[in-house]
Amino acid sequence: MKKEKLMNLRHCVTAAVCMALCVVLPMAFHAIPNAGTLLSPMHLPVLLCGLVCGWPFGLLCGLAGPLLSSLITGMPGPAYLPPMMIELAVYGLVSGLLIHFVHTGKKVADLYISLLAAMVAGRVLAGLARGLFFAPGAYSLKLWATGYFVSSLPGIVLQLVLVPVLYLALKRAKLVQEA
């Protein structure tokens, strides 16, 4: 019982740090022109939170991180906030679920399967929400592909490189335990 409570406390603290990073990282990246848009810094802590803490904390981080950032810094702006909350919530949810259920026998393969599935699912659902609810009639497949894949390609590469490295480094250092 004590071990379960300790693990839950660690996950709460880790999720809180990830939510704080959702505020701090975009501010740092926006100091470089267009870096926030190109590198999607808020995605990094949400994906990491889902992988490290599991889907409930990943989902919470994906919803609360962008909202807190918007309230504190004004980024993302009101037009981008709802689709971003959907995208990041799906990131945290799917990465947390899949890292728990995908077991290929190779941790790196499990990480990449979880990451790629989360990133695709988040982008698809955010694009659908944008097209159906937030910009109906004004949003196209071309805009979706350009916004979520082409212009964010540097961020996608950064996420695919940095998140597994951070996850494995935290695991090796025994600073976090799996959900």
N, C-alpha and C. Protein backbone atom coordinates (compact mmCIF):
# COMPACT_ATOMS: atom_id res chain seq x y z
N MET A 1 0.82 -1.20 0.00
CA MET A 1 0.00 0.00 0.00
C MET A 1 0.86 1.26 0.00
N LYS A 2 1.92 1.26 0.82
CA LYS A 2 2.79 2.43 0.88
C LYS A 2 3.50 2.65 -0.44
N LYS A 3 3.92 1.56 -1.10
CA LYS A 3 4.61 1.67 -2.38
C LYS A 3 3.69 2.28 -3.43
N GLU A 4 2.41 1.89 -3.42
CA GLU A 4 1.44 2.43 -4.37
C GLU A 4 1.22 3.93 -4.13
N LYS A 5 1.13 4.33 -2.87
CA LYS A 5 0.95 5.75 -2.54
C LYS A 5 2.18 6.56 -2.94
N LEU A 6 3.36 6.00 -2.70
CA LEU A 6 4.60 6.68 -3.07
C LEU A 6 4.69 6.84 -4.59
N MET A 7 4.31 5.80 -5.32
CA MET A 7 4.35 5.87 -6.78
C MET A 7 3.35 6.91 -7.28
N ASN A 8 2.16 6.95 -6.68
CA ASN A 8 1.16 7.94 -7.07
C ASN A 8 1.65 9.35 -6.78
N LEU A 9 2.32 9.55 -5.65
CA LEU A 9 2.88 10.85 -5.31
C LEU A 9 3.96 11.25 -6.33
N ARG A 10 4.82 10.30 -6.70
CA ARG A 10 5.85 10.58 -7.71
C ARG A 10 5.21 10.98 -9.03
N HIS A 11 4.15 10.31 -9.39
CA HIS A 11 3.48 10.63 -10.65
C HIS A 11 2.81 12.00 -10.59
N CYS A 12 2.25 12.33 -9.44
CA CYS A 12 1.65 13.67 -9.27
C CYS A 12 2.71 14.76 -9.41
N VAL A 13 3.83 14.56 -8.77
CA VAL A 13 4.92 15.54 -8.83
C VAL A 13 5.47 15.64 -10.25
N THR A 14 5.68 14.49 -10.88
CA THR A 14 6.20 14.48 -12.25
C THR A 14 5.23 15.19 -13.20
N ALA A 15 3.94 14.91 -13.05
CA ALA A 15 2.93 15.56 -13.90
C ALA A 15 2.91 17.06 -13.65
N ALA A 16 3.05 17.48 -12.41
CA ALA A 16 3.08 18.91 -12.10
C ALA A 16 4.29 19.59 -12.74
N VAL A 17 5.45 18.91 -12.70
CA VAL A 17 6.64 19.45 -13.35
C VAL A 17 6.43 19.55 -14.85
N CYS A 18 5.82 18.53 -15.43
CA CYS A 18 5.55 18.56 -16.88
C CYS A 18 4.59 19.69 -17.24
N MET A 19 3.57 19.92 -16.40
CA MET A 19 2.65 21.04 -16.65
C MET A 19 3.38 22.38 -16.55
N ALA A 20 4.28 22.49 -15.60
CA ALA A 20 5.08 23.71 -15.48
C ALA A 20 5.96 23.89 -16.72
N LEU A 21 6.51 22.80 -17.21
CA LEU A 21 7.32 22.87 -18.43
C LEU A 21 6.49 23.30 -19.64
N CYS A 22 5.19 22.99 -19.62
CA CYS A 22 4.30 23.44 -20.69
C CYS A 22 4.19 24.96 -20.72
N VAL A 23 4.47 25.59 -19.61
CA VAL A 23 4.45 27.06 -19.54
C VAL A 23 5.84 27.62 -19.86
N VAL A 24 6.87 27.04 -19.29
CA VAL A 24 8.22 27.57 -19.37
C VAL A 24 8.87 27.33 -20.73
N LEU A 25 8.78 26.11 -21.26
CA LEU A 25 9.44 25.79 -22.53
C LEU A 25 8.99 26.68 -23.69
N PRO A 26 7.68 26.90 -23.88
CA PRO A 26 7.29 27.79 -24.98
C PRO A 26 7.83 29.21 -24.82
N MET A 27 7.90 29.70 -23.59
CA MET A 27 8.47 31.04 -23.39
C MET A 27 9.92 31.07 -23.83
N ALA A 28 10.67 30.04 -23.49
CA ALA A 28 12.08 29.99 -23.89
C ALA A 28 12.21 29.85 -25.40
N PHE A 29 11.41 29.00 -26.00
CA PHE A 29 11.50 28.78 -27.44
C PHE A 29 11.02 29.99 -28.24
N HIS A 30 10.04 30.73 -27.70
CA HIS A 30 9.54 31.90 -28.43
C HIS A 30 10.53 33.06 -28.41
N ALA A 31 11.60 32.93 -27.64
CA ALA A 31 12.66 33.94 -27.69
C ALA A 31 13.40 33.87 -29.03
N ILE A 32 13.32 32.72 -29.68
CA ILE A 32 13.91 32.53 -31.01
C ILE A 32 12.77 32.71 -32.01
N PRO A 33 12.92 33.57 -33.01
CA PRO A 33 11.83 33.80 -33.95
C PRO A 33 11.32 32.50 -34.59
N ASN A 34 10.00 32.31 -34.52
CA ASN A 34 9.27 31.20 -35.12
C ASN A 34 9.63 29.83 -34.54
N ALA A 35 10.45 29.76 -33.52
CA ALA A 35 10.85 28.46 -32.95
C ALA A 35 9.69 27.76 -32.26
N GLY A 36 8.80 28.51 -31.64
CA GLY A 36 7.66 27.90 -30.97
C GLY A 36 6.77 27.15 -31.93
N THR A 37 6.51 27.74 -33.07
CA THR A 37 5.67 27.11 -34.09
C THR A 37 6.39 25.92 -34.73
N LEU A 38 7.64 26.10 -35.03
CA LEU A 38 8.40 25.04 -35.72
C LEU A 38 8.71 23.85 -34.83
N LEU A 39 9.02 24.09 -33.55
CA LEU A 39 9.54 23.03 -32.69
C LEU A 39 8.52 22.47 -31.69
N SER A 40 7.37 23.10 -31.57
CA SER A 40 6.29 22.61 -30.70
C SER A 40 6.79 22.19 -29.32
N PRO A 41 7.37 23.11 -28.55
CA PRO A 41 7.99 22.72 -27.28
C PRO A 41 7.02 22.19 -26.23
N MET A 42 5.76 22.58 -26.30
CA MET A 42 4.79 22.12 -25.30
C MET A 42 4.48 20.63 -25.46
N HIS A 43 4.71 20.10 -26.64
CA HIS A 43 4.42 18.69 -26.89
C HIS A 43 5.38 17.77 -26.13
N LEU A 44 6.60 18.21 -25.92
CA LEU A 44 7.62 17.37 -25.28
C LEU A 44 7.21 16.94 -23.87
N PRO A 45 6.86 17.86 -22.95
CA PRO A 45 6.53 17.41 -21.61
C PRO A 45 5.24 16.60 -21.54
N VAL A 46 4.29 16.86 -22.44
CA VAL A 46 3.05 16.10 -22.42
C VAL A 46 3.30 14.65 -22.84
N LEU A 47 4.05 14.45 -23.91
CA LEU A 47 4.39 13.10 -24.33
C LEU A 47 5.18 12.37 -23.25
N LEU A 48 6.14 13.06 -22.66
CA LEU A 48 6.95 12.45 -21.60
C LEU A 48 6.08 12.10 -20.39
N CYS A 49 5.16 12.97 -20.04
CA CYS A 49 4.27 12.72 -18.90
C CYS A 49 3.42 11.47 -19.15
N GLY A 50 2.86 11.34 -20.34
CA GLY A 50 2.08 10.15 -20.64
C GLY A 50 2.90 8.88 -20.53
N LEU A 51 4.11 8.93 -21.04
CA LEU A 51 4.98 7.75 -21.01
C LEU A 51 5.42 7.39 -19.60
N VAL A 52 5.77 8.39 -18.82
CA VAL A 52 6.32 8.17 -17.48
C VAL A 52 5.22 7.90 -16.44
N CYS A 53 4.14 8.66 -16.52
CA CYS A 53 3.12 8.62 -15.46
C CYS A 53 1.87 7.83 -15.81
N GLY A 54 1.68 7.52 -17.08
CA GLY A 54 0.47 6.81 -17.49
C GLY A 54 -0.58 7.74 -18.06
N TRP A 55 -1.62 7.13 -18.60
CA TRP A 55 -2.61 7.90 -19.35
C TRP A 55 -3.40 8.92 -18.52
N PRO A 56 -3.79 8.66 -17.26
CA PRO A 56 -4.57 9.68 -16.55
C PRO A 56 -3.78 10.98 -16.37
N PHE A 57 -2.52 10.84 -16.00
CA PHE A 57 -1.68 12.02 -15.80
C PHE A 57 -1.32 12.67 -17.13
N GLY A 58 -1.07 11.85 -18.15
CA GLY A 58 -0.79 12.38 -19.48
C GLY A 58 -1.96 13.17 -20.03
N LEU A 59 -3.16 12.63 -19.85
CA LEU A 59 -4.38 13.33 -20.29
C LEU A 59 -4.54 14.65 -19.55
N LEU A 60 -4.37 14.62 -18.24
CA LEU A 60 -4.47 15.84 -17.44
C LEU A 60 -3.43 16.87 -17.87
N CYS A 61 -2.20 16.43 -18.06
CA CYS A 61 -1.13 17.33 -18.49
C CYS A 61 -1.45 17.94 -19.86
N GLY A 62 -1.99 17.12 -20.76
CA GLY A 62 -2.33 17.60 -22.09
C GLY A 62 -3.46 18.62 -22.09
N LEU A 63 -4.37 18.51 -21.14
CA LEU A 63 -5.45 19.49 -21.02
C LEU A 63 -5.02 20.73 -20.24
N ALA A 64 -4.37 20.50 -19.11
CA ALA A 64 -4.03 21.61 -18.22
C ALA A 64 -2.81 22.41 -18.68
N GLY A 65 -1.83 21.74 -19.29
CA GLY A 65 -0.61 22.44 -19.71
C GLY A 65 -0.88 23.61 -20.65
N PRO A 66 -1.58 23.40 -21.77
CA PRO A 66 -1.85 24.52 -22.66
C PRO A 66 -2.76 25.58 -22.03
N LEU A 67 -3.72 25.12 -21.21
CA LEU A 67 -4.62 26.07 -20.56
C LEU A 67 -3.85 26.96 -19.59
N LEU A 68 -3.00 26.36 -18.77
CA LEU A 68 -2.18 27.16 -17.85
C LEU A 68 -1.27 28.12 -18.61
N SER A 69 -0.65 27.62 -19.66
CA SER A 69 0.24 28.47 -20.45
C SER A 69 -0.52 29.64 -21.05
N SER A 70 -1.71 29.37 -21.55
CA SER A 70 -2.52 30.45 -22.13
C SER A 70 -2.92 31.48 -21.08
N LEU A 71 -3.31 31.01 -19.91
CA LEU A 71 -3.72 31.92 -18.85
C LEU A 71 -2.55 32.74 -18.32
N ILE A 72 -1.38 32.13 -18.23
CA ILE A 72 -0.21 32.81 -17.65
C ILE A 72 0.52 33.67 -18.67
N THR A 73 0.70 33.16 -19.89
CA THR A 73 1.55 33.85 -20.87
C THR A 73 0.79 34.37 -22.10
N GLY A 74 -0.44 33.91 -22.28
CA GLY A 74 -1.19 34.28 -23.48
C GLY A 74 -0.87 33.39 -24.68
N MET A 75 0.00 32.38 -24.47
CA MET A 75 0.34 31.43 -25.54
C MET A 75 -0.11 30.04 -25.11
N PRO A 76 -0.83 29.33 -25.91
CA PRO A 76 -1.39 29.69 -27.21
C PRO A 76 -2.56 30.65 -27.07
N GLY A 77 -2.79 31.38 -28.14
CA GLY A 77 -3.89 32.33 -28.16
C GLY A 77 -5.24 31.62 -28.18
N PRO A 78 -6.31 32.37 -27.97
CA PRO A 78 -7.65 31.78 -27.87
C PRO A 78 -8.06 30.96 -29.10
N ALA A 79 -7.64 31.34 -30.27
CA ALA A 79 -8.02 30.60 -31.48
C ALA A 79 -7.33 29.24 -31.57
N TYR A 80 -6.15 29.13 -30.99
CA TYR A 80 -5.37 27.89 -31.08
C TYR A 80 -5.53 27.01 -29.84
N LEU A 81 -6.02 27.58 -28.75
CA LEU A 81 -6.08 26.84 -27.49
C LEU A 81 -6.94 25.57 -27.54
N PRO A 82 -8.20 25.63 -27.97
CA PRO A 82 -9.01 24.40 -27.94
C PRO A 82 -8.45 23.26 -28.79
N PRO A 83 -8.06 23.50 -30.05
CA PRO A 83 -7.48 22.38 -30.80
C PRO A 83 -6.17 21.87 -30.21
N MET A 84 -5.39 22.77 -29.62
CA MET A 84 -4.13 22.34 -29.01
C MET A 84 -4.40 21.50 -27.77
N MET A 85 -5.41 21.87 -27.00
CA MET A 85 -5.76 21.07 -25.82
C MET A 85 -6.21 19.67 -26.24
N ILE A 86 -6.95 19.59 -27.32
CA ILE A 86 -7.38 18.28 -27.82
C ILE A 86 -6.17 17.47 -28.27
N GLU A 87 -5.31 18.09 -29.08
CA GLU A 87 -4.13 17.40 -29.60
C GLU A 87 -3.25 16.88 -28.46
N LEU A 88 -2.95 17.75 -27.50
CA LEU A 88 -2.05 17.35 -26.42
C LEU A 88 -2.71 16.37 -25.45
N ALA A 89 -4.01 16.50 -25.23
CA ALA A 89 -4.70 15.54 -24.38
C ALA A 89 -4.64 14.14 -25.00
N VAL A 90 -4.82 14.08 -26.31
CA VAL A 90 -4.72 12.79 -27.00
C VAL A 90 -3.29 12.27 -26.93
N TYR A 91 -2.30 13.15 -27.05
CA TYR A 91 -0.89 12.73 -26.91
C TYR A 91 -0.68 12.04 -25.57
N GLY A 92 -1.08 12.71 -24.50
CA GLY A 92 -0.87 12.17 -23.16
C GLY A 92 -1.64 10.88 -22.94
N LEU A 93 -2.88 10.85 -23.42
CA LEU A 93 -3.72 9.66 -23.26
C LEU A 93 -3.17 8.47 -24.03
N VAL A 94 -2.91 8.65 -25.31
CA VAL A 94 -2.48 7.53 -26.16
C VAL A 94 -1.07 7.06 -25.80
N SER A 95 -0.16 7.99 -25.56
CA SER A 95 1.20 7.56 -25.20
C SER A 95 1.19 6.79 -23.88
N GLY A 96 0.39 7.25 -22.92
CA GLY A 96 0.29 6.57 -21.63
C GLY A 96 -0.35 5.20 -21.73
N LEU A 97 -1.39 5.08 -22.56
CA LEU A 97 -2.04 3.79 -22.75
C LEU A 97 -1.12 2.80 -23.46
N LEU A 98 -0.53 3.26 -24.56
CA LEU A 98 0.25 2.34 -25.38
C LEU A 98 1.53 1.88 -24.70
N ILE A 99 2.20 2.75 -23.95
CA ILE A 99 3.43 2.32 -23.29
C ILE A 99 3.10 1.24 -22.25
N HIS A 100 1.86 1.25 -21.79
CA HIS A 100 1.42 0.24 -20.82
C HIS A 100 1.06 -1.08 -21.50
N PHE A 101 0.51 -1.00 -22.71
CA PHE A 101 0.00 -2.20 -23.37
C PHE A 101 0.89 -2.77 -24.46
N VAL A 102 1.78 -1.96 -25.04
CA VAL A 102 2.65 -2.45 -26.11
C VAL A 102 3.91 -3.03 -25.50
N HIS A 103 4.14 -4.31 -25.74
CA HIS A 103 5.32 -4.97 -25.20
C HIS A 103 5.94 -5.84 -26.30
N THR A 104 6.86 -5.26 -27.02
CA THR A 104 7.54 -5.98 -28.10
C THR A 104 8.76 -6.73 -27.60
N GLY A 105 9.15 -6.44 -26.38
CA GLY A 105 10.38 -7.03 -25.85
C GLY A 105 11.55 -6.08 -25.98
N LYS A 106 11.35 -5.00 -26.69
CA LYS A 106 12.40 -3.97 -26.85
C LYS A 106 11.81 -2.63 -26.43
N LYS A 107 12.38 -2.04 -25.38
CA LYS A 107 11.84 -0.81 -24.82
C LYS A 107 11.83 0.33 -25.84
N VAL A 108 12.87 0.41 -26.67
CA VAL A 108 12.93 1.49 -27.67
C VAL A 108 11.81 1.34 -28.68
N ALA A 109 11.53 0.11 -29.11
CA ALA A 109 10.42 -0.12 -30.04
C ALA A 109 9.09 0.25 -29.39
N ASP A 110 8.91 -0.12 -28.13
CA ASP A 110 7.69 0.24 -27.41
C ASP A 110 7.53 1.76 -27.35
N LEU A 111 8.62 2.46 -27.08
CA LEU A 111 8.58 3.91 -27.01
C LEU A 111 8.18 4.52 -28.35
N TYR A 112 8.80 4.07 -29.43
CA TYR A 112 8.50 4.65 -30.73
C TYR A 112 7.10 4.30 -31.22
N ILE A 113 6.63 3.12 -30.95
CA ILE A 113 5.26 2.77 -31.31
C ILE A 113 4.29 3.67 -30.56
N SER A 114 4.52 3.83 -29.26
CA SER A 114 3.66 4.69 -28.44
C SER A 114 3.71 6.13 -28.90
N LEU A 115 4.91 6.63 -29.14
CA LEU A 115 5.07 8.03 -29.58
C LEU A 115 4.42 8.28 -30.93
N LEU A 116 4.73 7.46 -31.90
CA LEU A 116 4.20 7.68 -33.25
C LEU A 116 2.68 7.59 -33.27
N ALA A 117 2.13 6.60 -32.60
CA ALA A 117 0.67 6.46 -32.56
C ALA A 117 0.03 7.67 -31.87
N ALA A 118 0.62 8.12 -30.78
CA ALA A 118 0.08 9.29 -30.06
C ALA A 118 0.16 10.54 -30.93
N MET A 119 1.27 10.72 -31.60
CA MET A 119 1.45 11.92 -32.42
C MET A 119 0.49 11.93 -33.61
N VAL A 120 0.28 10.80 -34.23
CA VAL A 120 -0.66 10.74 -35.36
C VAL A 120 -2.09 10.92 -34.85
N ALA A 121 -2.47 10.21 -33.79
CA ALA A 121 -3.83 10.32 -33.26
C ALA A 121 -4.14 11.75 -32.81
N GLY A 122 -3.21 12.38 -32.12
CA GLY A 122 -3.42 13.75 -31.67
C GLY A 122 -3.60 14.72 -32.82
N ARG A 123 -2.79 14.58 -33.85
CA ARG A 123 -2.89 15.47 -35.00
C ARG A 123 -4.18 15.23 -35.78
N VAL A 124 -4.58 13.98 -35.92
CA VAL A 124 -5.81 13.67 -36.64
C VAL A 124 -7.03 14.21 -35.88
N LEU A 125 -7.11 13.94 -34.59
CA LEU A 125 -8.27 14.40 -33.82
C LEU A 125 -8.32 15.92 -33.69
N ALA A 126 -7.17 16.55 -33.54
CA ALA A 126 -7.16 18.02 -33.48
C ALA A 126 -7.58 18.61 -34.82
N GLY A 127 -7.12 18.01 -35.92
CA GLY A 127 -7.53 18.47 -37.25
C GLY A 127 -9.02 18.28 -37.48
N LEU A 128 -9.56 17.14 -37.05
CA LEU A 128 -11.00 16.91 -37.17
C LEU A 128 -11.79 17.92 -36.34
N ALA A 129 -11.35 18.16 -35.13
CA ALA A 129 -12.03 19.14 -34.28
C ALA A 129 -11.99 20.54 -34.90
N ARG A 130 -10.84 20.88 -35.43
CA ARG A 130 -10.70 22.19 -36.07
C ARG A 130 -11.63 22.30 -37.28
N GLY A 131 -11.66 21.25 -38.10
CA GLY A 131 -12.48 21.27 -39.31
C GLY A 131 -13.96 21.19 -39.03
N LEU A 132 -14.35 20.48 -37.97
CA LEU A 132 -15.77 20.29 -37.68
C LEU A 132 -16.36 21.33 -36.74
N PHE A 133 -15.56 21.79 -35.77
CA PHE A 133 -16.11 22.65 -34.74
C PHE A 133 -15.53 24.07 -34.69
N PHE A 134 -14.24 24.20 -34.87
CA PHE A 134 -13.60 25.49 -34.63
C PHE A 134 -13.43 26.34 -35.88
N ALA A 135 -13.42 25.73 -37.05
CA ALA A 135 -13.30 26.49 -38.30
C ALA A 135 -14.03 25.75 -39.42
N PRO A 136 -15.31 25.41 -39.21
CA PRO A 136 -16.01 24.63 -40.25
C PRO A 136 -16.12 25.41 -41.55
N GLY A 137 -15.82 24.74 -42.62
CA GLY A 137 -15.88 25.36 -43.94
C GLY A 137 -14.64 26.14 -44.32
N ALA A 138 -13.84 26.53 -43.33
CA ALA A 138 -12.64 27.32 -43.61
C ALA A 138 -11.37 26.48 -43.46
N TYR A 139 -11.53 25.25 -43.07
CA TYR A 139 -10.38 24.39 -42.81
C TYR A 139 -10.37 23.27 -43.83
N SER A 140 -9.23 23.03 -44.43
CA SER A 140 -9.15 22.02 -45.49
C SER A 140 -8.09 20.97 -45.15
N LEU A 141 -8.11 19.91 -45.94
CA LEU A 141 -7.12 18.86 -45.79
C LEU A 141 -5.71 19.41 -46.04
N LYS A 142 -5.60 20.32 -46.97
CA LYS A 142 -4.30 20.93 -47.28
C LYS A 142 -3.79 21.75 -46.09
N LEU A 143 -4.67 22.54 -45.48
CA LEU A 143 -4.28 23.32 -44.30
C LEU A 143 -3.88 22.40 -43.15
N TRP A 144 -4.63 21.30 -42.97
CA TRP A 144 -4.32 20.36 -41.91
C TRP A 144 -2.95 19.73 -42.13
N ALA A 145 -2.71 19.22 -43.33
CA ALA A 145 -1.43 18.56 -43.62
C ALA A 145 -0.27 19.54 -43.48
N THR A 146 -0.47 20.76 -43.96
CA THR A 146 0.58 21.76 -43.85
C THR A 146 0.85 22.14 -42.41
N GLY A 147 -0.21 22.40 -41.66
CA GLY A 147 -0.05 22.85 -40.27
C GLY A 147 0.44 21.79 -39.32
N TYR A 148 -0.06 20.56 -39.49
CA TYR A 148 0.25 19.52 -38.52
C TYR A 148 1.41 18.62 -38.91
N PHE A 149 1.85 18.69 -40.16
CA PHE A 149 2.94 17.80 -40.58
C PHE A 149 4.09 18.54 -41.26
N VAL A 150 3.79 19.36 -42.25
CA VAL A 150 4.85 19.98 -43.03
C VAL A 150 5.58 21.05 -42.22
N SER A 151 4.83 22.04 -41.73
CA SER A 151 5.50 23.14 -41.02
C SER A 151 6.00 22.72 -39.64
N SER A 152 5.45 21.64 -39.10
CA SER A 152 5.90 21.19 -37.77
C SER A 152 6.88 20.02 -37.85
N LEU A 153 7.41 19.76 -39.02
CA LEU A 153 8.36 18.65 -39.19
C LEU A 153 9.58 18.77 -38.26
N PRO A 154 10.17 19.96 -38.09
CA PRO A 154 11.30 20.04 -37.13
C PRO A 154 10.87 19.64 -35.71
N GLY A 155 9.66 20.01 -35.30
CA GLY A 155 9.17 19.63 -33.98
C GLY A 155 8.94 18.13 -33.86
N ILE A 156 8.43 17.53 -34.94
CA ILE A 156 8.21 16.08 -34.96
C ILE A 156 9.54 15.35 -34.78
N VAL A 157 10.55 15.80 -35.51
CA VAL A 157 11.88 15.18 -35.40
C VAL A 157 12.42 15.37 -33.99
N LEU A 158 12.28 16.58 -33.44
CA LEU A 158 12.75 16.85 -32.08
C LEU A 158 12.05 15.93 -31.08
N GLN A 159 10.75 15.75 -31.22
CA GLN A 159 10.01 14.88 -30.31
C GLN A 159 10.47 13.43 -30.43
N LEU A 160 10.68 12.97 -31.65
CA LEU A 160 11.09 11.58 -31.86
C LEU A 160 12.52 11.31 -31.39
N VAL A 161 13.32 12.35 -31.32
CA VAL A 161 14.70 12.19 -30.84
C VAL A 161 14.76 12.40 -29.32
N LEU A 162 14.20 13.49 -28.86
CA LEU A 162 14.39 13.91 -27.47
C LEU A 162 13.55 13.12 -26.46
N VAL A 163 12.30 12.83 -26.77
CA VAL A 163 11.44 12.15 -25.78
C VAL A 163 11.97 10.77 -25.40
N PRO A 164 12.32 9.91 -26.36
CA PRO A 164 12.89 8.61 -25.93
C PRO A 164 14.20 8.75 -25.15
N VAL A 165 15.04 9.69 -25.54
CA VAL A 165 16.30 9.90 -24.83
C VAL A 165 16.03 10.34 -23.39
N LEU A 166 15.12 11.28 -23.20
CA LEU A 166 14.77 11.74 -21.86
C LEU A 166 14.15 10.62 -21.03
N TYR A 167 13.23 9.89 -21.64
CA TYR A 167 12.57 8.79 -20.95
C TYR A 167 13.59 7.75 -20.47
N LEU A 168 14.44 7.32 -21.37
CA LEU A 168 15.43 6.31 -21.01
C LEU A 168 16.45 6.83 -20.00
N ALA A 169 16.82 8.09 -20.11
CA ALA A 169 17.75 8.68 -19.14
C ALA A 169 17.12 8.75 -17.75
N LEU A 170 15.86 9.13 -17.68
CA LEU A 170 15.17 9.17 -16.39
C LEU A 170 15.03 7.77 -15.79
N LYS A 171 14.76 6.78 -16.64
CA LYS A 171 14.65 5.40 -16.17
C LYS A 171 15.98 4.88 -15.66
N ARG A 172 17.06 5.14 -16.40
CA ARG A 172 18.39 4.67 -15.98
C ARG A 172 18.81 5.31 -14.66
N ALA A 173 18.47 6.57 -14.49
CA ALA A 173 18.82 7.28 -13.27
C ALA A 173 17.90 6.92 -12.12
N LYS A 174 16.89 6.11 -12.40
CA LYS A 174 15.90 5.68 -11.40
C LYS A 174 15.20 6.87 -10.76
N LEU A 175 15.02 7.93 -11.55
CA LEU A 175 14.31 9.10 -11.08
C LEU A 175 12.81 8.96 -11.27
N VAL A 176 12.41 8.06 -12.14
CA VAL A 176 10.98 7.80 -12.34
C VAL A 176 10.78 6.28 -12.45
N GLN A 177 9.57 5.90 -12.11
CA GLN A 177 9.18 4.50 -12.26
C GLN A 177 8.02 4.45 -13.24
N GLU A 178 7.89 3.34 -13.95
CA GLU A 178 6.80 3.21 -14.90
C GLU A 178 5.47 3.19 -14.19
N ALA A 179 4.45 3.64 -14.94
CA ALA A 179 3.09 3.60 -14.41
C ALA A 179 2.63 2.16 -14.28
